[in-house]
Amino acid sequence: MKEIEKYVKEIIIDLPEDEKKELIEEIYGHLQDHVQDLLIKGHSEDEAIRLAIEAFGNQSKLNLEFKRSLFPFYKIVRFLWSVTCVTACLSVFSYSAMEYYNPQFDNSLPLYSVIMGFLIIATIAGFAEGIYEALSSHFKSSWLLNPWLFFLLPILIMAGIQTRFLLLNPGQYQNGFWLDLYAIPIGTLPYIISRQLFTILFVSKKKTKRSMVK
């Protein structure tokens, strides 16, 4: 029953390792029992598997429900964590660039600049996450739901367009101003890394009580 195995794997993806074994046994056992009942009623094996899976529910929604039960509000916390990490990375990057290009000045990074940067990053990232969630609720394709592909592909296209501007007008981007041109592409990579890191550190290793989703 490869279809059931694939279905179960999609349900438990990114869940805590110490919860996966129990969930696999529970879900798989429930589906097998349902399939056997359908076979007894006269359905073919393929049809019984399909009906059992349909009755159990959408794997993406079940995965989300399990994550919510294991780590309530994890998406909000993950978003704030990711935005904070990107803000910190870009702040360090910006200060280092100022020191490199203008070492003669007393360079500093005012708090209001950091706060404004945080709000700008939160706005851009929030817009992207909103689109991602909207697409996730309508499409089941795993390649579309891959955050690396979803977030990085448009940014790579944007970086290519910006590189063309840089090559056509190099005089406008001297003395470090080219970094402003690539601010969004530069910030996207740490956003994706911190986003995935959050899941590894706090979601995939967090063990709490959870209830079986019917």
N, C-alpha and C. Protein backbone atom coordinates (compact mmCIF):
# COMPACT_ATOMS: atom_id res chain seq x y z
N MET A 1 0.83 -1.20 0.00
CA MET A 1 0.00 0.00 0.00
C MET A 1 0.87 1.26 0.00
N LYS A 2 1.55 1.47 -1.11
CA LYS A 2 2.47 2.59 -1.23
C LYS A 2 1.75 3.93 -1.14
N GLU A 3 0.50 3.94 -1.62
CA GLU A 3 -0.26 5.20 -1.56
C GLU A 3 -0.47 5.64 -0.12
N ILE A 4 -0.78 4.68 0.74
CA ILE A 4 -1.00 5.01 2.16
C ILE A 4 0.31 5.44 2.81
N GLU A 5 1.41 4.76 2.49
CA GLU A 5 2.72 5.12 3.06
C GLU A 5 3.10 6.55 2.67
N LYS A 6 2.89 6.89 1.40
CA LYS A 6 3.20 8.25 0.93
C LYS A 6 2.30 9.26 1.62
N TYR A 7 1.04 8.93 1.76
CA TYR A 7 0.06 9.82 2.42
C TYR A 7 0.45 10.08 3.87
N VAL A 8 0.83 9.03 4.58
CA VAL A 8 1.20 9.17 5.99
C VAL A 8 2.47 10.00 6.13
N LYS A 9 3.44 9.80 5.24
CA LYS A 9 4.69 10.56 5.30
C LYS A 9 4.44 12.05 5.11
N GLU A 10 3.47 12.40 4.25
CA GLU A 10 3.14 13.80 4.03
C GLU A 10 2.45 14.41 5.25
N ILE A 11 1.76 13.58 6.01
CA ILE A 11 1.09 14.08 7.21
C ILE A 11 2.09 14.39 8.31
N ILE A 12 3.11 13.55 8.47
CA ILE A 12 4.02 13.69 9.61
C ILE A 12 5.31 14.46 9.27
N ILE A 13 5.39 15.03 8.08
CA ILE A 13 6.60 15.76 7.70
C ILE A 13 6.83 16.96 8.63
N ASP A 14 8.08 17.13 9.07
CA ASP A 14 8.50 18.23 9.94
C ASP A 14 7.93 18.15 11.36
N LEU A 15 7.34 17.04 11.73
CA LEU A 15 6.86 16.88 13.10
C LEU A 15 7.99 16.34 13.97
N PRO A 16 7.88 16.47 15.30
CA PRO A 16 8.93 15.98 16.19
C PRO A 16 9.24 14.50 15.95
N GLU A 17 10.52 14.18 15.91
CA GLU A 17 10.94 12.81 15.62
C GLU A 17 10.36 11.81 16.62
N ASP A 18 10.31 12.21 17.90
CA ASP A 18 9.83 11.28 18.91
C ASP A 18 8.31 11.12 18.87
N GLU A 19 7.62 11.90 18.04
CA GLU A 19 6.18 11.76 17.87
C GLU A 19 5.86 10.98 16.59
N LYS A 20 6.79 10.96 15.65
CA LYS A 20 6.50 10.40 14.33
C LYS A 20 6.15 8.92 14.39
N LYS A 21 6.93 8.14 15.14
CA LYS A 21 6.72 6.69 15.16
C LYS A 21 5.32 6.36 15.64
N GLU A 22 4.90 6.99 16.73
CA GLU A 22 3.57 6.72 17.27
C GLU A 22 2.48 7.15 16.30
N LEU A 23 2.68 8.31 15.66
CA LEU A 23 1.69 8.80 14.71
C LEU A 23 1.59 7.89 13.50
N ILE A 24 2.73 7.43 12.99
CA ILE A 24 2.73 6.55 11.83
C ILE A 24 1.94 5.28 12.13
N GLU A 25 2.21 4.69 13.30
CA GLU A 25 1.51 3.46 13.68
C GLU A 25 0.01 3.71 13.84
N GLU A 26 -0.34 4.84 14.44
CA GLU A 26 -1.74 5.14 14.70
C GLU A 26 -2.51 5.44 13.41
N ILE A 27 -1.93 6.30 12.57
CA ILE A 27 -2.60 6.67 11.32
C ILE A 27 -2.66 5.48 10.37
N TYR A 28 -1.53 4.80 10.23
CA TYR A 28 -1.46 3.66 9.32
C TYR A 28 -2.44 2.57 9.75
N GLY A 29 -2.49 2.30 11.07
CA GLY A 29 -3.42 1.29 11.56
C GLY A 29 -4.86 1.66 11.31
N HIS A 30 -5.18 2.96 11.52
CA HIS A 30 -6.54 3.44 11.29
C HIS A 30 -6.92 3.28 9.82
N LEU A 31 -6.01 3.63 8.92
CA LEU A 31 -6.29 3.53 7.49
C LEU A 31 -6.42 2.08 7.04
N GLN A 32 -5.57 1.21 7.57
CA GLN A 32 -5.65 -0.20 7.20
C GLN A 32 -6.98 -0.80 7.63
N ASP A 33 -7.43 -0.46 8.83
CA ASP A 33 -8.73 -0.95 9.31
C ASP A 33 -9.86 -0.48 8.40
N HIS A 34 -9.77 0.79 8.00
CA HIS A 34 -10.80 1.34 7.12
C HIS A 34 -10.78 0.66 5.76
N VAL A 35 -9.59 0.41 5.24
CA VAL A 35 -9.46 -0.28 3.95
C VAL A 35 -10.05 -1.68 4.04
N GLN A 36 -9.76 -2.38 5.12
CA GLN A 36 -10.30 -3.73 5.28
C GLN A 36 -11.82 -3.73 5.33
N ASP A 37 -12.39 -2.75 6.00
CA ASP A 37 -13.85 -2.63 6.06
C ASP A 37 -14.44 -2.41 4.66
N LEU A 38 -13.76 -1.57 3.88
CA LEU A 38 -14.23 -1.29 2.52
C LEU A 38 -14.08 -2.51 1.61
N LEU A 39 -13.01 -3.27 1.81
CA LEU A 39 -12.81 -4.49 1.02
C LEU A 39 -13.91 -5.51 1.31
N ILE A 40 -14.27 -5.60 2.57
CA ILE A 40 -15.34 -6.52 2.97
C ILE A 40 -16.66 -6.11 2.31
N LYS A 41 -16.85 -4.80 2.13
CA LYS A 41 -18.09 -4.31 1.52
C LYS A 41 -18.10 -4.46 0.00
N GLY A 42 -16.97 -4.95 -0.56
CA GLY A 42 -16.96 -5.24 -1.99
C GLY A 42 -16.17 -4.28 -2.86
N HIS A 43 -15.52 -3.30 -2.27
CA HIS A 43 -14.72 -2.36 -3.06
C HIS A 43 -13.40 -3.02 -3.48
N SER A 44 -12.86 -2.57 -4.61
CA SER A 44 -11.55 -3.05 -5.02
C SER A 44 -10.48 -2.45 -4.11
N GLU A 45 -9.27 -3.00 -4.13
CA GLU A 45 -8.21 -2.51 -3.24
C GLU A 45 -7.88 -1.05 -3.52
N ASP A 46 -7.72 -0.72 -4.81
CA ASP A 46 -7.38 0.66 -5.17
C ASP A 46 -8.48 1.63 -4.74
N GLU A 47 -9.72 1.23 -4.95
CA GLU A 47 -10.84 2.09 -4.58
C GLU A 47 -10.95 2.21 -3.06
N ALA A 48 -10.68 1.11 -2.36
CA ALA A 48 -10.75 1.13 -0.89
C ALA A 48 -9.70 2.06 -0.31
N ILE A 49 -8.49 2.03 -0.88
CA ILE A 49 -7.41 2.90 -0.41
C ILE A 49 -7.76 4.36 -0.66
N ARG A 50 -8.28 4.63 -1.86
CA ARG A 50 -8.64 6.00 -2.21
C ARG A 50 -9.73 6.54 -1.28
N LEU A 51 -10.75 5.74 -1.03
CA LEU A 51 -11.85 6.17 -0.17
C LEU A 51 -11.41 6.35 1.28
N ALA A 52 -10.51 5.47 1.74
CA ALA A 52 -10.02 5.58 3.11
C ALA A 52 -9.21 6.86 3.30
N ILE A 53 -8.38 7.19 2.31
CA ILE A 53 -7.57 8.41 2.38
C ILE A 53 -8.46 9.64 2.33
N GLU A 54 -9.45 9.62 1.44
CA GLU A 54 -10.36 10.76 1.32
C GLU A 54 -11.14 10.98 2.62
N ALA A 55 -11.52 9.88 3.26
CA ALA A 55 -12.27 9.98 4.50
C ALA A 55 -11.41 10.52 5.65
N PHE A 56 -10.11 10.20 5.62
CA PHE A 56 -9.23 10.64 6.69
C PHE A 56 -8.94 12.13 6.61
N GLY A 57 -8.84 12.67 5.38
CA GLY A 57 -8.67 14.12 5.25
C GLY A 57 -7.43 14.52 4.49
N ASN A 58 -7.36 15.81 4.16
CA ASN A 58 -6.23 16.37 3.42
C ASN A 58 -4.96 16.32 4.25
N GLN A 59 -3.89 15.78 3.67
CA GLN A 59 -2.66 15.59 4.42
C GLN A 59 -2.02 16.90 4.86
N SER A 60 -2.10 17.94 4.06
CA SER A 60 -1.52 19.23 4.42
C SER A 60 -2.24 19.85 5.61
N LYS A 61 -3.57 19.75 5.60
CA LYS A 61 -4.35 20.30 6.71
C LYS A 61 -4.11 19.51 7.99
N LEU A 62 -3.99 18.18 7.87
CA LEU A 62 -3.71 17.34 9.04
C LEU A 62 -2.34 17.66 9.61
N ASN A 63 -1.36 17.85 8.73
CA ASN A 63 -0.01 18.21 9.16
C ASN A 63 -0.03 19.52 9.94
N LEU A 64 -0.79 20.49 9.42
CA LEU A 64 -0.90 21.78 10.10
C LEU A 64 -1.58 21.64 11.46
N GLU A 65 -2.62 20.80 11.54
CA GLU A 65 -3.31 20.61 12.81
C GLU A 65 -2.40 19.97 13.85
N PHE A 66 -1.59 19.00 13.42
CA PHE A 66 -0.65 18.38 14.34
C PHE A 66 0.38 19.39 14.83
N LYS A 67 0.87 20.22 13.93
CA LYS A 67 1.85 21.24 14.30
C LYS A 67 1.24 22.23 15.29
N ARG A 68 -0.01 22.60 15.06
CA ARG A 68 -0.66 23.53 15.97
C ARG A 68 -0.84 22.93 17.35
N SER A 69 -1.15 21.64 17.40
CA SER A 69 -1.34 21.00 18.69
C SER A 69 -0.01 20.82 19.42
N LEU A 70 1.08 20.65 18.65
CA LEU A 70 2.39 20.47 19.26
C LEU A 70 3.05 21.80 19.59
N PHE A 71 2.74 22.82 18.80
CA PHE A 71 3.37 24.12 19.02
C PHE A 71 2.39 25.21 18.62
N PRO A 72 1.48 25.59 19.53
CA PRO A 72 0.46 26.60 19.22
C PRO A 72 1.09 27.92 18.75
N PHE A 73 0.47 28.54 17.78
CA PHE A 73 0.90 29.83 17.24
C PHE A 73 2.33 29.78 16.67
N TYR A 74 2.74 28.60 16.24
CA TYR A 74 4.13 28.48 15.78
C TYR A 74 4.42 29.34 14.55
N LYS A 75 3.41 29.57 13.71
CA LYS A 75 3.66 30.37 12.51
C LYS A 75 3.94 31.82 12.86
N ILE A 76 3.21 32.36 13.84
CA ILE A 76 3.44 33.74 14.25
C ILE A 76 4.81 33.88 14.90
N VAL A 77 5.11 32.93 15.78
CA VAL A 77 6.41 32.96 16.45
C VAL A 77 7.53 32.76 15.45
N ARG A 78 7.34 31.85 14.50
CA ARG A 78 8.35 31.61 13.47
C ARG A 78 8.57 32.85 12.62
N PHE A 79 7.49 33.55 12.31
CA PHE A 79 7.59 34.77 11.50
C PHE A 79 8.41 35.84 12.23
N LEU A 80 8.07 36.07 13.50
CA LEU A 80 8.80 37.08 14.28
C LEU A 80 10.26 36.69 14.46
N TRP A 81 10.50 35.41 14.70
CA TRP A 81 11.87 34.90 14.82
C TRP A 81 12.65 35.17 13.53
N SER A 82 12.05 34.83 12.37
CA SER A 82 12.72 34.99 11.08
C SER A 82 13.01 36.45 10.77
N VAL A 83 12.01 37.31 11.02
CA VAL A 83 12.20 38.75 10.76
C VAL A 83 13.30 39.31 11.66
N THR A 84 13.32 38.89 12.92
CA THR A 84 14.36 39.36 13.85
C THR A 84 15.74 38.91 13.39
N CYS A 85 15.84 37.66 12.95
CA CYS A 85 17.13 37.14 12.47
C CYS A 85 17.61 37.91 11.24
N VAL A 86 16.70 38.17 10.31
CA VAL A 86 17.07 38.91 9.10
C VAL A 86 17.48 40.34 9.46
N THR A 87 16.74 40.96 10.36
CA THR A 87 17.08 42.32 10.79
C THR A 87 18.48 42.36 11.39
N ALA A 88 18.80 41.38 12.22
CA ALA A 88 20.13 41.31 12.83
C ALA A 88 21.21 41.10 11.77
N CYS A 89 20.95 40.19 10.84
CA CYS A 89 21.92 39.92 9.77
C CYS A 89 22.17 41.15 8.90
N LEU A 90 21.10 41.80 8.49
CA LEU A 90 21.25 42.98 7.64
C LEU A 90 21.87 44.15 8.40
N SER A 91 21.62 44.26 9.68
CA SER A 91 22.23 45.32 10.49
C SER A 91 23.73 45.14 10.55
N VAL A 92 24.15 43.91 10.81
CA VAL A 92 25.59 43.61 10.85
C VAL A 92 26.21 43.83 9.48
N PHE A 93 25.51 43.39 8.45
CA PHE A 93 26.00 43.53 7.07
C PHE A 93 26.13 45.00 6.71
N SER A 94 25.11 45.80 7.06
CA SER A 94 25.13 47.22 6.74
C SER A 94 26.26 47.94 7.47
N TYR A 95 26.43 47.64 8.75
CA TYR A 95 27.49 48.28 9.53
C TYR A 95 28.86 47.90 8.97
N SER A 96 29.04 46.64 8.62
CA SER A 96 30.31 46.18 8.06
C SER A 96 30.61 46.87 6.75
N ALA A 97 29.57 47.06 5.94
CA ALA A 97 29.76 47.74 4.64
C ALA A 97 30.15 49.20 4.84
N MET A 98 29.52 49.88 5.82
CA MET A 98 29.87 51.27 6.10
C MET A 98 31.32 51.38 6.58
N GLU A 99 31.73 50.44 7.41
CA GLU A 99 33.11 50.44 7.91
C GLU A 99 34.10 50.18 6.78
N TYR A 100 33.69 49.36 5.83
CA TYR A 100 34.58 49.01 4.72
C TYR A 100 34.72 50.15 3.73
N TYR A 101 33.59 50.76 3.35
CA TYR A 101 33.61 51.81 2.34
C TYR A 101 33.92 53.20 2.90
N ASN A 102 33.61 53.41 4.17
CA ASN A 102 33.85 54.73 4.77
C ASN A 102 34.51 54.59 6.15
N PRO A 103 35.70 54.06 6.19
CA PRO A 103 36.36 53.86 7.49
C PRO A 103 36.76 55.18 8.15
N GLN A 104 36.79 56.27 7.38
CA GLN A 104 37.19 57.56 7.93
C GLN A 104 36.10 58.19 8.79
N PHE A 105 34.87 57.71 8.67
CA PHE A 105 33.76 58.27 9.43
C PHE A 105 33.51 57.46 10.71
N ASP A 106 32.82 58.13 11.66
CA ASP A 106 32.44 57.45 12.89
C ASP A 106 31.11 56.76 12.64
N ASN A 107 31.19 55.58 12.05
CA ASN A 107 29.98 54.87 11.64
C ASN A 107 29.22 54.30 12.84
N SER A 108 27.91 54.36 12.75
CA SER A 108 27.07 53.80 13.80
C SER A 108 25.75 53.34 13.17
N LEU A 109 25.00 52.58 13.93
CA LEU A 109 23.71 52.08 13.45
C LEU A 109 22.65 52.46 14.48
N PRO A 110 21.98 53.61 14.27
CA PRO A 110 20.99 54.08 15.25
C PRO A 110 19.87 53.08 15.47
N LEU A 111 19.30 53.11 16.66
CA LEU A 111 18.23 52.19 17.01
C LEU A 111 17.01 52.38 16.11
N TYR A 112 16.72 53.64 15.77
CA TYR A 112 15.54 53.87 14.93
C TYR A 112 15.71 53.25 13.55
N SER A 113 16.97 53.20 13.07
CA SER A 113 17.23 52.57 11.77
C SER A 113 16.97 51.07 11.84
N VAL A 114 17.36 50.47 12.95
CA VAL A 114 17.12 49.05 13.15
C VAL A 114 15.62 48.76 13.23
N ILE A 115 14.90 49.61 13.97
CA ILE A 115 13.45 49.43 14.11
C ILE A 115 12.74 49.59 12.77
N MET A 116 13.14 50.61 12.01
CA MET A 116 12.55 50.83 10.69
C MET A 116 12.86 49.66 9.77
N GLY A 117 14.08 49.16 9.87
CA GLY A 117 14.45 48.00 9.07
C GLY A 117 13.59 46.79 9.42
N PHE A 118 13.36 46.59 10.71
CA PHE A 118 12.52 45.48 11.17
C PHE A 118 11.11 45.60 10.59
N LEU A 119 10.54 46.81 10.63
CA LEU A 119 9.18 47.01 10.13
C LEU A 119 9.10 46.81 8.62
N ILE A 120 10.12 47.26 7.90
CA ILE A 120 10.13 47.08 6.44
C ILE A 120 10.24 45.60 6.10
N ILE A 121 11.14 44.90 6.79
CA ILE A 121 11.32 43.47 6.54
C ILE A 121 10.04 42.72 6.89
N ALA A 122 9.41 43.08 8.02
CA ALA A 122 8.17 42.43 8.43
C ALA A 122 7.07 42.63 7.40
N THR A 123 7.01 43.82 6.81
CA THR A 123 5.99 44.10 5.79
C THR A 123 6.20 43.25 4.55
N ILE A 124 7.42 43.23 4.05
CA ILE A 124 7.73 42.47 2.84
C ILE A 124 7.55 40.97 3.08
N ALA A 125 8.10 40.48 4.21
CA ALA A 125 8.00 39.06 4.53
C ALA A 125 6.55 38.66 4.79
N GLY A 126 5.78 39.54 5.45
CA GLY A 126 4.38 39.25 5.72
C GLY A 126 3.57 39.12 4.44
N PHE A 127 3.87 39.98 3.48
CA PHE A 127 3.20 39.92 2.18
C PHE A 127 3.51 38.60 1.49
N ALA A 128 4.79 38.21 1.49
CA ALA A 128 5.21 36.96 0.86
C ALA A 128 4.58 35.75 1.57
N GLU A 129 4.56 35.77 2.90
CA GLU A 129 3.98 34.66 3.66
C GLU A 129 2.47 34.56 3.40
N GLY A 130 1.82 35.72 3.24
CA GLY A 130 0.39 35.71 2.95
C GLY A 130 0.09 35.02 1.62
N ILE A 131 0.90 35.33 0.61
CA ILE A 131 0.73 34.68 -0.70
C ILE A 131 1.00 33.19 -0.59
N TYR A 132 2.04 32.84 0.17
CA TYR A 132 2.41 31.44 0.36
C TYR A 132 1.27 30.66 1.02
N GLU A 133 0.67 31.24 2.05
CA GLU A 133 -0.42 30.57 2.75
C GLU A 133 -1.66 30.44 1.85
N ALA A 134 -1.91 31.48 1.05
CA ALA A 134 -3.06 31.43 0.15
C ALA A 134 -2.91 30.33 -0.89
N LEU A 135 -1.71 30.21 -1.45
CA LEU A 135 -1.45 29.16 -2.43
C LEU A 135 -1.47 27.78 -1.78
N SER A 136 -0.95 27.70 -0.55
CA SER A 136 -0.90 26.41 0.16
C SER A 136 -2.29 25.86 0.42
N SER A 137 -3.25 26.75 0.62
CA SER A 137 -4.61 26.30 0.92
C SER A 137 -5.37 25.84 -0.33
N HIS A 138 -4.82 26.16 -1.51
CA HIS A 138 -5.50 25.79 -2.75
C HIS A 138 -4.79 24.72 -3.56
N PHE A 139 -3.50 24.55 -3.31
CA PHE A 139 -2.72 23.58 -4.08
C PHE A 139 -2.11 22.54 -3.16
N LYS A 140 -2.03 21.31 -3.63
CA LYS A 140 -1.47 20.22 -2.84
C LYS A 140 -0.08 19.80 -3.34
N SER A 141 0.36 20.40 -4.44
CA SER A 141 1.64 19.99 -5.04
C SER A 141 2.79 20.28 -4.08
N SER A 142 3.57 19.24 -3.76
CA SER A 142 4.65 19.40 -2.79
C SER A 142 5.75 20.32 -3.29
N TRP A 143 6.00 20.34 -4.60
CA TRP A 143 7.07 21.21 -5.11
C TRP A 143 6.68 22.68 -4.98
N LEU A 144 5.39 22.97 -5.10
CA LEU A 144 4.93 24.36 -4.95
C LEU A 144 5.02 24.81 -3.50
N LEU A 145 4.82 23.87 -2.58
CA LEU A 145 4.82 24.19 -1.16
C LEU A 145 6.23 24.21 -0.57
N ASN A 146 7.23 23.91 -1.37
CA ASN A 146 8.61 23.96 -0.89
C ASN A 146 9.01 25.41 -0.68
N PRO A 147 9.27 25.83 0.57
CA PRO A 147 9.57 27.25 0.83
C PRO A 147 10.83 27.74 0.13
N TRP A 148 11.82 26.85 -0.05
CA TRP A 148 13.04 27.27 -0.75
C TRP A 148 12.72 27.69 -2.18
N LEU A 149 11.90 26.90 -2.84
CA LEU A 149 11.53 27.21 -4.21
C LEU A 149 10.64 28.44 -4.27
N PHE A 150 9.65 28.49 -3.38
CA PHE A 150 8.67 29.58 -3.42
C PHE A 150 9.30 30.93 -3.15
N PHE A 151 10.18 31.02 -2.14
CA PHE A 151 10.76 32.30 -1.77
C PHE A 151 11.98 32.67 -2.60
N LEU A 152 12.80 31.69 -2.95
CA LEU A 152 14.07 32.00 -3.60
C LEU A 152 13.95 32.22 -5.11
N LEU A 153 13.06 31.47 -5.77
CA LEU A 153 12.97 31.58 -7.22
C LEU A 153 12.62 32.99 -7.69
N PRO A 154 11.58 33.64 -7.13
CA PRO A 154 11.29 35.02 -7.55
C PRO A 154 12.44 35.98 -7.23
N ILE A 155 13.13 35.74 -6.11
CA ILE A 155 14.23 36.61 -5.72
C ILE A 155 15.41 36.46 -6.66
N LEU A 156 15.67 35.26 -7.13
CA LEU A 156 16.75 35.04 -8.09
C LEU A 156 16.45 35.74 -9.41
N ILE A 157 15.17 35.72 -9.81
CA ILE A 157 14.76 36.44 -11.02
C ILE A 157 14.94 37.94 -10.81
N MET A 158 14.54 38.43 -9.63
CA MET A 158 14.71 39.84 -9.31
C MET A 158 16.18 40.23 -9.31
N ALA A 159 17.02 39.38 -8.74
CA ALA A 159 18.46 39.66 -8.69
C ALA A 159 19.05 39.74 -10.10
N GLY A 160 18.54 38.88 -11.00
CA GLY A 160 19.01 38.92 -12.38
C GLY A 160 18.67 40.24 -13.06
N ILE A 161 17.45 40.72 -12.83
CA ILE A 161 17.02 42.01 -13.40
C ILE A 161 17.85 43.15 -12.81
N GLN A 162 18.08 43.11 -11.50
CA GLN A 162 18.86 44.16 -10.85
C GLN A 162 20.31 44.16 -11.32
N THR A 163 20.84 42.98 -11.60
CA THR A 163 22.21 42.89 -12.11
C THR A 163 22.33 43.58 -13.46
N ARG A 164 21.28 43.47 -14.25
CA ARG A 164 21.27 44.15 -15.56
C ARG A 164 21.33 45.67 -15.36
N PHE A 165 20.56 46.18 -14.39
CA PHE A 165 20.60 47.61 -14.10
C PHE A 165 22.00 48.03 -13.64
N LEU A 166 22.62 47.18 -12.83
CA LEU A 166 23.95 47.47 -12.31
C LEU A 166 24.98 47.53 -13.43
N LEU A 167 24.88 46.60 -14.38
CA LEU A 167 25.83 46.56 -15.49
C LEU A 167 25.62 47.72 -16.46
N LEU A 168 24.36 48.13 -16.61
CA LEU A 168 24.07 49.24 -17.53
C LEU A 168 24.40 50.61 -16.93
N ASN A 169 24.30 50.73 -15.60
CA ASN A 169 24.55 52.00 -14.93
C ASN A 169 25.49 51.81 -13.73
N PRO A 170 26.70 51.37 -13.97
CA PRO A 170 27.62 51.12 -12.84
C PRO A 170 27.96 52.36 -12.04
N GLY A 171 27.91 53.53 -12.68
CA GLY A 171 28.26 54.76 -12.00
C GLY A 171 27.29 55.13 -10.88
N GLN A 172 26.06 54.65 -10.96
CA GLN A 172 25.05 54.99 -9.95
C GLN A 172 25.18 54.13 -8.69
N TYR A 173 25.96 53.10 -8.78
CA TYR A 173 26.03 52.15 -7.66
C TYR A 173 27.45 51.97 -7.13
N GLN A 174 28.20 53.06 -7.10
CA GLN A 174 29.55 53.02 -6.57
C GLN A 174 29.55 53.22 -5.05
N ASN A 175 30.68 52.94 -4.46
CA ASN A 175 30.90 53.18 -3.03
C ASN A 175 29.88 52.46 -2.14
N GLY A 176 29.52 51.25 -2.55
CA GLY A 176 28.64 50.43 -1.71
C GLY A 176 27.16 50.59 -1.97
N PHE A 177 26.76 51.50 -2.86
CA PHE A 177 25.34 51.68 -3.12
C PHE A 177 24.73 50.48 -3.84
N TRP A 178 25.58 49.63 -4.43
CA TRP A 178 25.06 48.43 -5.08
C TRP A 178 24.43 47.48 -4.05
N LEU A 179 24.83 47.60 -2.79
CA LEU A 179 24.25 46.76 -1.75
C LEU A 179 22.78 47.07 -1.53
N ASP A 180 22.41 48.36 -1.67
CA ASP A 180 21.00 48.72 -1.53
C ASP A 180 20.17 48.08 -2.64
N LEU A 181 20.77 47.94 -3.82
CA LEU A 181 20.08 47.34 -4.95
C LEU A 181 19.72 45.89 -4.67
N TYR A 182 20.60 45.21 -3.92
CA TYR A 182 20.41 43.78 -3.64
C TYR A 182 19.90 43.52 -2.21
N ALA A 183 19.32 44.52 -1.58
CA ALA A 183 18.90 44.38 -0.18
C ALA A 183 17.90 43.23 0.00
N ILE A 184 16.90 43.16 -0.87
CA ILE A 184 15.88 42.11 -0.72
C ILE A 184 16.47 40.72 -1.01
N PRO A 185 17.20 40.54 -2.13
CA PRO A 185 17.82 39.22 -2.34
C PRO A 185 18.77 38.81 -1.22
N ILE A 186 19.54 39.78 -0.69
CA ILE A 186 20.48 39.46 0.39
C ILE A 186 19.72 39.03 1.64
N GLY A 187 18.59 39.68 1.92
CA GLY A 187 17.83 39.36 3.11
C GLY A 187 17.00 38.09 3.00
N THR A 188 16.70 37.66 1.77
CA THR A 188 15.85 36.49 1.59
C THR A 188 16.51 35.20 2.06
N LEU A 189 17.79 35.05 1.75
CA LEU A 189 18.48 33.81 2.13
C LEU A 189 18.49 33.59 3.64
N PRO A 190 18.90 34.58 4.45
CA PRO A 190 18.82 34.36 5.90
C PRO A 190 17.39 34.17 6.41
N TYR A 191 16.41 34.75 5.70
CA TYR A 191 15.02 34.56 6.11
C TYR A 191 14.62 33.09 5.96
N ILE A 192 14.95 32.50 4.81
CA ILE A 192 14.62 31.10 4.58
C ILE A 192 15.37 30.19 5.54
N ILE A 193 16.65 30.50 5.75
CA ILE A 193 17.47 29.68 6.65
C ILE A 193 16.92 29.74 8.08
N SER A 194 16.61 30.95 8.56
CA SER A 194 16.09 31.10 9.92
C SER A 194 14.71 30.47 10.04
N ARG A 195 13.92 30.53 8.98
CA ARG A 195 12.59 29.93 8.95
C ARG A 195 12.69 28.42 9.13
N GLN A 196 13.59 27.80 8.38
CA GLN A 196 13.79 26.36 8.48
C GLN A 196 14.46 25.98 9.80
N LEU A 197 15.37 26.83 10.25
CA LEU A 197 16.07 26.57 11.50
C LEU A 197 15.10 26.56 12.67
N PHE A 198 14.10 27.44 12.61
CA PHE A 198 13.09 27.48 13.67
C PHE A 198 12.37 26.14 13.78
N THR A 199 12.00 25.59 12.63
CA THR A 199 11.32 24.29 12.63
C THR A 199 12.19 23.21 13.23
N ILE A 200 13.47 23.22 12.88
CA ILE A 200 14.40 22.20 13.38
C ILE A 200 14.60 22.34 14.89
N LEU A 201 14.79 23.58 15.36
CA LEU A 201 15.12 23.80 16.76
C LEU A 201 13.92 23.71 17.70
N PHE A 202 12.78 24.25 17.27
CA PHE A 202 11.67 24.41 18.19
C PHE A 202 10.45 23.55 17.89
N VAL A 203 10.24 23.21 16.63
CA VAL A 203 9.06 22.42 16.29
C VAL A 203 9.39 20.94 16.22
N SER A 204 10.44 20.60 15.47
CA SER A 204 10.78 19.19 15.27
C SER A 204 11.29 18.53 16.53
N LYS A 205 11.70 19.30 17.55
CA LYS A 205 12.23 18.71 18.77
C LYS A 205 11.33 18.92 19.98
N LYS A 206 10.21 19.58 19.74
CA LYS A 206 9.32 19.87 20.87
C LYS A 206 8.33 18.74 21.05
N LYS A 207 8.31 18.17 22.23
CA LYS A 207 7.40 17.07 22.52
C LYS A 207 6.37 17.52 23.56
N THR A 208 5.13 17.55 23.15
CA THR A 208 4.04 17.88 24.05
C THR A 208 2.90 16.92 23.82
N LYS A 209 1.88 17.01 24.65
CA LYS A 209 0.73 16.15 24.46
C LYS A 209 -0.03 16.61 23.23
N ARG A 210 -0.53 15.66 22.49
CA ARG A 210 -1.32 15.98 21.31
C ARG A 210 -2.48 15.01 21.21
N SER A 211 -3.51 15.46 20.54
CA SER A 211 -4.69 14.62 20.38
C SER A 211 -4.79 14.19 18.92
N MET A 212 -5.30 13.02 18.68
CA MET A 212 -5.41 12.49 17.33
C MET A 212 -6.48 13.24 16.56
N VAL A 213 -6.13 13.70 15.33
CA VAL A 213 -7.10 14.41 14.49
C VAL A 213 -7.93 13.38 13.73
N LYS A 214 -9.19 13.45 13.87
CA LYS A 214 -10.06 12.49 13.20
C LYS A 214 -10.48 13.02 11.84
